[in-house]
Amino acid sequence: MDTIGEQLKQARLQQGLTIDDLQRITKIQRRYLSAIEENDFDAIPSDYYTRTFIRQFATAVGVNPTPLVKRFDNTHKSNRQVEQPVVTQVTQVSEPLPLRASRKEKYAQQNKQEAKKGVYIPVIILVIIVAIIVGTIIYAIRLDTAQGPLVPKPDKTTIMGSDQSSTKEKESSTKEKKEETKEDEKKKEDKKENIFTLESDYGDVITYKGVGVTQPVTVEVSGLEGPSWIGVQESGSGNLFYQETVQAGESLTIDIPEGIQNMDIIVGAANNITLKVNGKAINFNEENPVTGTKSITLLLSSEAASDTDVNEDTQISENSSEDETNTSTTNQNGFE
């Protein structure tokens, strides 16, 4: 009669299955399946696992597992009789005997122990290093206390280079003062150029006297809220050498030919125009504002300006921003 292992092996081969196929079906390790086919039941951990593996093996290959399990029990009857007293004895012991752990559990315990060692080792090393550092500091303090300070204090303190640093500071201060003086003089020279003072204002005709006007003369025209015509001529000639219409927000620059001593600037809508001559604002529509045509006469002179002219020009410059604000506020479209 065939053994349990031979019957199961023949059934497996008839099904066309390999040990690996059977392992994937039953989830039983290959070595236990091979042990069953070779009737090496001692290689399996216990009789309980042996019976379970025989049932799963037989079911997977299409064999009735019950006769095979009974045959296994009859064959290993002697072993069960020997085990029976042991089970009775175990039940009488107050503390249960520990079960044999699987390999996975053993590996898990070993890994936990190694992990604990890996955590403790850096801590121990750090404690040793700190202890060495603290010990070294304490030893150095005691040695310094016993033998005195390592570096003796000097009896006298000498400050080196104080005279040199003081001299350098004085030179630097003197140099800064000279530079400030030069800048102030330059500003004063700039203020004495391009001075325009009001001579007369009749509303639609206004005259300015220019002192220290630099050549060539440049006129900057800016449009405000509406368009305005502008024309420039030499005073008394009646011939315009420049004319243009300035739109709102537009800026124009007019270069005046050299040699002209006096000139007239005629604007069609005085409230829509702002003027600058050589960068200086001309507030022509401030005291007697008009919305229509206005003639601005500039009497140009290259003579140096006096202190009185400078003060008057400064007053005009301070009122420049106020005039531009008032002009834009009261501005109306008066283009002609």
Protein backbone atom coordinates (compact mmCIF):
# COMPACT_ATOMS: atom_id res chain seq x y z
CA MET A 1 0.00 0.00 0.00
CA ASP A 2 1.28 3.48 -0.88
CA THR A 3 2.31 5.76 1.95
CA ILE A 4 0.64 9.10 2.68
CA GLY A 5 3.42 10.99 0.92
CA GLU A 6 3.35 8.72 -2.16
CA GLN A 7 -0.43 9.09 -2.54
CA LEU A 8 -0.23 12.87 -2.31
CA LYS A 9 2.73 13.04 -4.69
CA GLN A 10 0.96 10.88 -7.32
CA ALA A 11 -2.15 13.04 -7.03
CA ARG A 12 -0.03 16.21 -7.45
CA LEU A 13 1.66 14.86 -10.57
CA GLN A 14 -1.71 13.82 -12.01
CA GLN A 15 -2.91 17.41 -11.52
CA GLY A 16 0.22 18.63 -13.34
CA LEU A 17 1.34 20.73 -10.39
CA THR A 18 4.83 21.41 -9.13
CA ILE A 19 5.87 21.95 -5.55
CA ASP A 20 6.09 25.69 -6.28
CA ASP A 21 2.55 25.71 -7.69
CA LEU A 22 1.32 23.91 -4.60
CA GLN A 23 3.14 26.37 -2.36
CA ARG A 24 1.31 29.31 -4.03
CA ILE A 25 -2.06 27.51 -3.65
CA THR A 26 -1.75 26.31 -0.02
CA LYS A 27 0.60 29.03 1.31
CA ILE A 28 2.63 26.19 2.90
CA GLN A 29 6.40 26.42 2.71
CA ARG A 30 8.07 24.30 0.07
CA ARG A 31 10.21 22.36 2.56
CA TYR A 32 7.14 21.21 4.50
CA LEU A 33 5.41 20.04 1.30
CA SER A 34 8.52 18.07 0.30
CA ALA A 35 8.74 16.58 3.83
CA ILE A 36 5.12 15.35 3.57
CA GLU A 37 5.81 13.68 0.20
CA GLU A 38 8.89 11.99 1.69
CA ASN A 39 6.94 10.99 4.86
CA ASP A 40 9.42 12.98 6.94
CA PHE A 41 6.83 14.22 9.43
CA ASP A 42 9.44 14.96 12.09
CA ALA A 43 10.55 17.94 10.02
CA ILE A 44 7.21 19.62 10.74
CA PRO A 45 6.99 21.54 14.07
CA SER A 46 4.10 19.51 15.59
CA ASP A 47 1.43 16.93 14.83
CA TYR A 48 -1.19 19.70 14.74
CA TYR A 49 0.62 21.45 11.87
CA THR A 50 1.21 18.03 10.19
CA ARG A 51 -2.53 17.21 10.17
CA THR A 52 -3.37 20.71 8.92
CA PHE A 53 -0.77 20.54 6.11
CA ILE A 54 -1.96 17.04 5.04
CA ARG A 55 -5.58 18.33 4.80
CA GLN A 56 -4.55 21.39 2.75
CA PHE A 57 -2.23 19.30 0.51
CA ALA A 58 -4.93 16.66 -0.15
CA THR A 59 -7.64 19.26 -0.83
CA ALA A 60 -5.38 21.10 -3.30
CA VAL A 61 -4.66 17.89 -5.36
CA GLY A 62 -8.25 16.57 -5.22
CA VAL A 63 -7.81 13.79 -2.62
CA ASN A 64 -10.10 13.10 0.36
CA PRO A 65 -8.03 14.26 3.36
CA THR A 66 -9.94 12.36 6.10
CA PRO A 67 -8.49 8.82 5.46
CA LEU A 68 -4.98 10.27 5.21
CA VAL A 69 -5.32 12.15 8.52
CA LYS A 70 -6.65 8.99 10.26
CA ARG A 71 -3.80 6.96 8.84
CA PHE A 72 -1.35 9.54 10.13
CA ASP A 73 -2.96 9.41 13.59
CA ASN A 74 -2.77 5.58 13.65
CA THR A 75 0.82 5.57 12.51
CA HIS A 76 1.84 8.09 15.16
CA LYS A 77 -0.36 6.64 17.94
CA SER A 78 2.60 5.75 20.06
CA ASN A 79 3.87 9.28 19.89
CA ARG A 80 0.51 10.66 20.99
CA GLN A 81 0.40 8.27 23.97
CA VAL A 82 3.75 9.54 25.06
CA GLU A 83 2.65 13.12 24.71
CA GLN A 84 -0.63 12.63 26.69
CA PRO A 85 0.92 12.49 30.16
CA VAL A 86 3.02 15.47 29.28
CA VAL A 87 -0.12 17.48 28.47
CA THR A 88 -1.71 16.41 31.79
CA GLN A 89 1.39 17.36 33.64
CA VAL A 90 1.47 20.74 31.94
CA THR A 91 -2.08 21.47 33.02
CA GLN A 92 -1.11 20.82 36.62
CA VAL A 93 1.83 23.18 36.58
CA SER A 94 0.97 26.59 37.98
CA GLU A 95 2.94 28.43 35.29
CA PRO A 96 2.49 27.40 31.62
CA LEU A 97 5.59 26.38 29.73
CA PRO A 98 6.62 28.83 27.05
CA LEU A 99 5.82 27.81 23.51
CA ARG A 100 8.59 27.53 20.97
CA ALA A 101 8.78 30.82 19.12
CA SER A 102 8.81 30.93 15.35
CA ARG A 103 11.74 32.16 13.40
CA LYS A 104 10.03 35.44 12.63
CA GLU A 105 9.52 36.12 16.34
CA LYS A 106 13.15 35.28 17.06
CA TYR A 107 14.32 37.58 14.30
CA ALA A 108 11.99 40.33 15.57
CA GLN A 109 13.38 40.02 19.10
CA GLN A 110 16.93 40.10 17.80
CA ASN A 111 16.19 43.20 15.72
CA LYS A 112 14.64 44.95 18.73
CA GLN A 113 17.69 44.19 20.84
CA GLU A 114 20.04 45.44 18.12
CA ALA A 115 17.94 48.60 17.68
CA LYS A 116 18.12 49.29 21.41
CA LYS A 117 21.89 48.86 21.30
CA GLY A 118 22.06 51.25 18.33
CA VAL A 119 20.15 53.91 20.33
CA TYR A 120 22.17 53.52 23.52
CA ILE A 121 25.62 53.58 21.91
CA PRO A 122 25.49 57.25 20.66
CA VAL A 123 24.05 58.36 24.00
CA ILE A 124 26.84 56.64 25.90
CA ILE A 125 29.47 58.19 23.60
CA LEU A 126 27.93 61.66 24.03
CA VAL A 127 27.90 61.29 27.83
CA ILE A 128 31.57 60.27 27.79
CA ILE A 129 32.51 63.29 25.63
CA VAL A 130 30.61 65.71 27.88
CA ALA A 131 32.24 64.20 30.95
CA ILE A 132 35.70 64.65 29.39
CA ILE A 133 34.99 68.29 28.50
CA VAL A 134 33.63 69.10 31.97
CA GLY A 135 36.57 67.37 33.60
CA THR A 136 39.04 69.33 31.45
CA ILE A 137 37.37 72.65 32.35
CA ILE A 138 37.39 71.85 36.07
CA TYR A 139 41.03 70.80 35.91
CA ALA A 140 42.00 74.04 34.08
CA ILE A 141 40.13 76.19 36.63
CA ARG A 142 41.85 74.47 39.54
CA LEU A 143 45.25 74.79 37.88
CA ASP A 144 44.70 78.49 37.14
CA THR A 145 43.58 79.11 40.72
CA ALA A 146 46.62 77.33 42.14
CA GLN A 147 49.28 78.88 39.88
CA GLY A 148 47.73 82.29 39.22
CA PRO A 149 46.50 83.67 35.87
CA LEU A 150 48.22 82.33 32.76
CA VAL A 151 48.56 85.83 31.28
CA PRO A 152 49.74 88.44 33.85
CA LYS A 153 48.03 91.82 33.91
CA PRO A 154 50.23 94.72 32.75
CA ASP A 155 51.16 97.36 35.30
CA LYS A 156 50.58 100.24 32.91
CA THR A 157 48.21 100.63 30.01
CA THR A 158 49.53 102.53 27.02
CA ILE A 159 47.24 103.66 24.25
CA MET A 160 49.08 103.58 20.95
CA GLY A 161 48.23 105.72 17.99
CA SER A 162 45.86 108.09 19.80
CA ASP A 163 47.65 111.17 18.42
CA GLN A 164 47.62 109.78 14.91
CA SER A 165 43.89 108.95 15.03
CA SER A 166 43.11 112.42 16.41
CA THR A 167 45.12 114.05 13.61
CA LYS A 168 43.34 111.96 10.98
CA GLU A 169 39.96 112.92 12.41
CA LYS A 170 40.88 116.62 12.29
CA GLU A 171 42.09 116.34 8.70
CA SER A 172 38.92 114.50 7.71
CA SER A 173 36.74 117.14 9.40
CA THR A 174 38.64 119.97 7.69
CA LYS A 175 38.30 118.25 4.31
CA GLU A 176 34.54 117.82 4.77
CA LYS A 177 34.15 121.48 5.71
CA LYS A 178 36.05 122.56 2.59
CA GLU A 179 33.84 120.37 0.41
CA GLU A 180 30.71 121.80 2.04
CA THR A 181 32.01 125.32 1.48
CA LYS A 182 32.63 124.58 -2.21
CA GLU A 183 29.13 123.14 -2.58
CA ASP A 184 27.61 126.20 -0.91
CA GLU A 185 29.57 128.52 -3.19
CA LYS A 186 28.50 126.53 -6.22
CA LYS A 187 24.86 126.75 -5.12
CA LYS A 188 25.21 130.51 -4.71
CA GLU A 189 26.71 130.81 -8.18
CA ASP A 190 23.84 128.76 -9.59
CA LYS A 191 21.32 131.02 -7.84
CA LYS A 192 22.82 134.10 -9.45
CA GLU A 193 22.04 132.74 -12.93
CA ASN A 194 18.72 132.89 -14.80
CA ILE A 195 16.96 135.36 -12.48
CA PHE A 196 13.53 136.53 -13.68
CA THR A 197 11.76 139.37 -11.83
CA LEU A 198 8.29 140.76 -12.56
CA GLU A 199 8.35 144.19 -14.19
CA SER A 200 4.65 144.73 -14.99
CA ASP A 201 1.38 142.76 -15.22
CA TYR A 202 -1.71 144.10 -17.04
CA GLY A 203 -3.64 140.85 -17.20
CA ASP A 204 -3.23 139.94 -20.87
CA VAL A 205 0.29 141.44 -21.12
CA ILE A 206 3.04 140.69 -18.59
CA THR A 207 6.76 141.56 -18.61
CA TYR A 208 9.69 139.89 -16.84
CA LYS A 209 13.25 141.14 -16.54
CA GLY A 210 15.91 138.49 -16.83
CA VAL A 211 19.36 138.84 -15.18
CA GLY A 212 22.28 136.46 -15.62
CA VAL A 213 20.42 134.54 -18.35
CA THR A 214 22.67 131.83 -19.82
CA GLN A 215 22.82 131.15 -23.55
CA PRO A 216 21.36 129.36 -25.39
CA VAL A 217 17.92 130.03 -23.92
CA THR A 218 15.53 127.08 -23.66
CA VAL A 219 11.77 127.37 -23.12
CA GLU A 220 9.83 124.37 -21.77
CA VAL A 221 6.06 124.33 -22.38
CA SER A 222 3.64 121.87 -20.71
CA GLY A 223 -0.06 121.43 -21.46
CA LEU A 224 -2.56 121.13 -18.61
CA GLU A 225 -6.22 120.20 -18.98
CA GLY A 226 -6.83 121.40 -22.54
CA PRO A 227 -5.06 122.44 -25.77
CA SER A 228 -3.46 125.83 -26.27
CA TRP A 229 -1.68 127.57 -29.13
CA ILE A 230 1.77 129.07 -28.46
CA GLY A 231 3.94 131.38 -30.57
CA VAL A 232 7.42 132.88 -30.00
CA GLN A 233 8.88 136.01 -31.65
CA GLU A 234 11.62 138.54 -31.12
CA SER A 235 10.12 141.60 -29.40
CA GLY A 236 9.10 144.31 -31.88
CA SER A 237 9.68 142.13 -34.98
CA GLY A 238 6.12 140.90 -35.46
CA ASN A 239 7.48 137.70 -37.07
CA LEU A 240 6.93 134.41 -35.25
CA PHE A 241 9.92 132.07 -35.53
CA TYR A 242 8.07 129.31 -33.66
CA GLN A 243 4.40 128.36 -33.25
CA GLU A 244 2.70 125.12 -32.17
CA THR A 245 -0.47 123.80 -30.48
CA VAL A 246 0.19 122.05 -27.17
CA GLN A 247 -2.23 119.30 -26.19
CA ALA A 248 -3.23 118.39 -22.63
CA GLY A 249 -0.42 116.46 -20.95
CA GLU A 250 2.05 117.21 -23.78
CA SER A 251 5.44 118.88 -23.26
CA LEU A 252 7.49 120.86 -25.77
CA THR A 253 11.02 122.26 -25.69
CA ILE A 254 11.82 125.43 -27.70
CA ASP A 255 15.44 126.43 -28.38
CA ILE A 256 15.70 130.23 -28.74
CA PRO A 257 18.23 131.43 -31.36
CA GLU A 258 21.31 133.07 -29.89
CA GLY A 259 21.57 136.84 -30.09
CA ILE A 260 17.94 137.58 -29.20
CA GLN A 261 17.88 140.06 -26.30
CA ASN A 262 14.09 140.32 -25.84
CA MET A 263 11.32 137.96 -26.87
CA ASP A 264 7.55 137.61 -26.68
CA ILE A 265 5.76 134.36 -25.88
CA ILE A 266 2.08 134.46 -26.90
CA VAL A 267 -0.30 131.75 -25.61
CA GLY A 268 -3.89 131.22 -26.76
CA ALA A 269 -5.27 129.71 -23.52
CA ALA A 270 -3.16 131.02 -20.64
CA ASN A 271 -4.78 128.76 -18.06
CA ASN A 272 -3.76 125.61 -20.00
CA ILE A 273 -0.02 126.39 -20.18
CA THR A 274 2.97 126.31 -17.81
CA LEU A 275 6.36 127.83 -18.77
CA LYS A 276 9.96 127.29 -17.73
CA VAL A 277 12.89 129.33 -19.06
CA ASN A 278 16.30 127.70 -18.56
CA GLY A 279 14.69 125.47 -15.94
CA LYS A 280 13.13 128.37 -13.96
CA ALA A 281 9.32 128.47 -13.66
CA ILE A 282 7.61 131.65 -14.96
CA ASN A 283 4.33 132.14 -13.07
CA PHE A 284 2.80 134.43 -15.70
CA ASN A 285 -0.85 133.70 -14.89
CA GLU A 286 -0.80 134.00 -11.11
CA GLU A 287 -1.64 137.55 -9.97
CA ASN A 288 -3.95 138.49 -12.86
CA PRO A 289 -5.12 135.17 -14.32
CA VAL A 290 -6.83 135.06 -17.70
CA THR A 291 -8.33 132.19 -19.65
CA GLY A 292 -7.70 133.64 -23.11
CA THR A 293 -4.70 135.05 -24.96
CA LYS A 294 -1.78 136.37 -23.00
CA SER A 295 1.57 137.85 -24.08
CA ILE A 296 4.68 137.21 -21.93
CA THR A 297 7.63 139.50 -22.66
CA LEU A 298 11.09 138.42 -21.45
CA LEU A 299 13.85 141.07 -21.28
CA LEU A 300 16.98 138.90 -21.40
CA SER A 301 20.30 140.02 -19.95
CA SER A 302 23.57 138.16 -19.36
CA GLU A 303 24.76 140.46 -16.56
CA ALA A 304 25.43 138.86 -13.17
CA ALA A 305 22.57 139.06 -10.71
CA SER A 306 22.81 141.02 -7.46
CA ASP A 307 21.83 139.65 -4.03
CA THR A 308 18.52 141.52 -4.29
CA ASP A 309 17.72 139.81 -7.59
CA VAL A 310 18.59 136.42 -6.04
CA ASN A 311 16.20 136.99 -3.12
CA GLU A 312 13.37 137.99 -5.47
CA ASP A 313 13.98 134.95 -7.65
CA THR A 314 13.94 132.70 -4.58
CA GLN A 315 10.54 134.12 -3.62
CA ILE A 316 9.24 133.41 -7.16
CA SER A 317 10.53 129.82 -6.99
CA GLU A 318 8.81 129.22 -3.63
CA ASN A 319 5.48 130.35 -5.11
CA SER A 320 5.92 128.11 -8.18
CA SER A 321 4.28 125.01 -6.76
CA GLU A 322 1.35 127.02 -5.34
CA ASP A 323 0.77 128.66 -8.73
CA GLU A 324 0.72 125.34 -10.57
CA THR A 325 -1.84 124.01 -8.08
CA ASN A 326 -4.07 127.08 -8.38
CA THR A 327 -3.79 127.08 -12.18
CA SER A 328 -4.88 123.42 -12.48
CA THR A 329 -7.75 124.02 -10.02
CA THR A 330 -9.22 127.11 -11.72
CA ASN A 331 -8.33 125.98 -15.25
CA GLN A 332 -10.94 126.33 -18.00
CA ASN A 333 -10.79 125.59 -21.73
CA GLY A 334 -10.01 129.03 -23.26
CA PHE A 335 -8.23 128.02 -26.48
CA GLU A 336 -8.45 130.66 -29.20
